[in-house]
């Protein structure tokens, strides 16, 4: 995940200045917008909310296939699934809440 945000280590990210982190934070935010725009909720309880976010973001970004500057892939989707599900990672893996191959070492 740290590689995805263009850092060699978590320590490098944690010790970076606000200005040095801005690009990584913007990339994370844009990619989370893309995740919400896709509209696939990690739990049944979030389906309505994700549908509303998806509709709203599609009205903002219109015809664009993806949110500009987002870096979405299956691993990032799984991370956002885990962050959004509000359940322990082991339970997510056991119950198959996230799409695709969930993180194996939860």
Protein backbone atom coordinates (compact mmCIF):
# COMPACT_ATOMS: atom_id res chain seq x y z
CA UNK A 1 0.00 0.00 0.00
CA UNK A 2 2.81 2.42 0.82
CA UNK A 3 4.27 1.72 -2.65
CA UNK A 4 0.92 2.68 -4.17
CA UNK A 5 1.22 6.06 -2.44
CA UNK A 6 4.78 6.48 -3.84
CA UNK A 7 6.69 5.97 -0.60
CA UNK A 8 9.37 3.39 0.11
CA UNK A 9 8.21 2.77 3.68
CA UNK A 10 5.53 3.72 6.17
CA UNK A 11 8.19 5.57 8.20
CA UNK A 12 9.01 7.73 5.18
CA UNK A 13 5.33 8.67 4.83
CA UNK A 14 4.84 9.30 8.57
CA UNK A 15 7.94 11.51 8.76
CA UNK A 16 7.16 13.52 5.64
CA UNK A 17 6.06 17.15 5.88
CA UNK A 18 2.51 18.21 5.09
CA UNK A 19 3.63 19.49 1.70
CA UNK A 20 5.50 16.26 0.94
CA UNK A 21 2.38 14.21 1.79
CA UNK A 22 -0.05 16.29 -0.23
CA UNK A 23 0.36 14.31 -3.46
CA UNK A 24 -0.18 10.97 -1.72
CA UNK A 25 -3.19 12.32 0.18
CA UNK A 26 -4.73 13.67 -3.04
CA UNK A 27 -4.14 10.34 -4.79
CA UNK A 28 -5.78 8.48 -1.90
CA UNK A 29 -8.77 10.88 -1.96
CA UNK A 30 -9.23 10.66 -5.75
CA UNK A 31 -9.00 6.90 -5.68
CA UNK A 32 -11.51 6.70 -2.82
CA UNK A 33 -13.83 8.85 -4.94
CA UNK A 34 -13.42 6.32 -7.74
CA UNK A 35 -14.19 3.51 -5.28
CA UNK A 36 -17.41 5.25 -4.22
CA UNK A 37 -18.29 6.08 -7.84
CA UNK A 38 -18.19 2.36 -8.68
CA UNK A 39 -21.09 1.93 -6.24
CA UNK A 40 -20.28 -1.55 -4.92
CA UNK A 41 -20.79 -1.63 -1.15
CA UNK A 42 -18.75 -4.08 0.95
CA UNK A 43 -21.81 -4.83 3.16
CA UNK A 44 -25.57 -4.91 2.65
CA UNK A 45 -26.00 -2.14 5.21
CA UNK A 46 -23.97 0.25 3.04
CA UNK A 47 -25.64 -0.48 -0.31
CA UNK A 48 -28.05 2.47 -0.25
CA UNK A 49 -25.35 4.91 0.80
CA UNK A 50 -22.92 3.67 -1.86
CA UNK A 51 -25.61 3.94 -4.55
CA UNK A 52 -26.26 7.57 -3.56
CA UNK A 53 -22.54 8.41 -3.57
CA UNK A 54 -22.18 6.69 -6.92
CA UNK A 55 -25.01 8.72 -8.48
CA UNK A 56 -23.68 11.95 -7.03
CA UNK A 57 -20.10 11.35 -8.21
CA UNK A 58 -21.28 10.29 -11.68
CA UNK A 59 -23.18 13.59 -11.93
CA UNK A 60 -19.96 15.44 -11.06
CA UNK A 61 -17.56 13.51 -13.31
CA UNK A 62 -20.10 12.94 -16.07
CA UNK A 63 -18.84 10.99 -19.05
CA UNK A 64 -15.37 10.29 -17.64
CA UNK A 65 -14.67 6.58 -17.26
CA UNK A 66 -12.62 7.17 -14.09
CA UNK A 67 -12.00 9.92 -11.58
CA UNK A 68 -8.96 11.92 -12.77
CA UNK A 69 -5.70 10.93 -11.04
CA UNK A 70 -7.22 7.86 -9.37
CA UNK A 71 -5.07 4.71 -9.24
CA UNK A 72 -7.63 1.95 -8.72
CA UNK A 73 -6.78 -1.73 -8.84
CA UNK A 74 -8.10 -4.87 -7.12
CA UNK A 75 -5.73 -4.55 -4.14
CA UNK A 76 -6.84 -0.98 -3.48
CA UNK A 77 -10.51 -2.00 -3.81
CA UNK A 78 -9.91 -4.70 -1.20
CA UNK A 79 -8.31 -2.17 1.12
CA UNK A 80 -11.25 0.22 0.76
CA UNK A 81 -13.64 -2.72 1.26
CA UNK A 82 -11.91 -3.46 4.56
CA UNK A 83 -11.88 0.18 5.62
CA UNK A 84 -15.56 0.61 4.77
CA UNK A 85 -16.87 -2.66 6.19
CA UNK A 86 -16.23 -1.78 9.86
CA UNK A 87 -15.59 -5.41 10.69
CA UNK A 88 -12.34 -7.16 11.63
CA UNK A 89 -10.29 -8.18 8.61
CA UNK A 90 -10.45 -11.86 9.61
CA UNK A 91 -14.25 -11.72 9.51
CA UNK A 92 -14.17 -10.03 6.10
CA UNK A 93 -12.03 -12.86 4.73
CA UNK A 94 -14.05 -15.59 6.44
CA UNK A 95 -17.42 -14.26 5.25
CA UNK A 96 -16.23 -13.13 1.83
CA UNK A 97 -17.42 -9.56 2.32
CA UNK A 98 -14.89 -8.02 -0.04
CA UNK A 99 -14.92 -8.70 -3.76
CA UNK A 100 -12.33 -10.90 -5.45
CA UNK A 101 -9.47 -12.40 -3.48
CA UNK A 102 -9.50 -10.86 -0.03
CA UNK A 103 -6.31 -10.19 1.83
CA UNK A 104 -5.06 -13.61 2.85
CA UNK A 105 -3.13 -12.81 6.03
CA UNK A 106 -5.89 -10.95 7.86
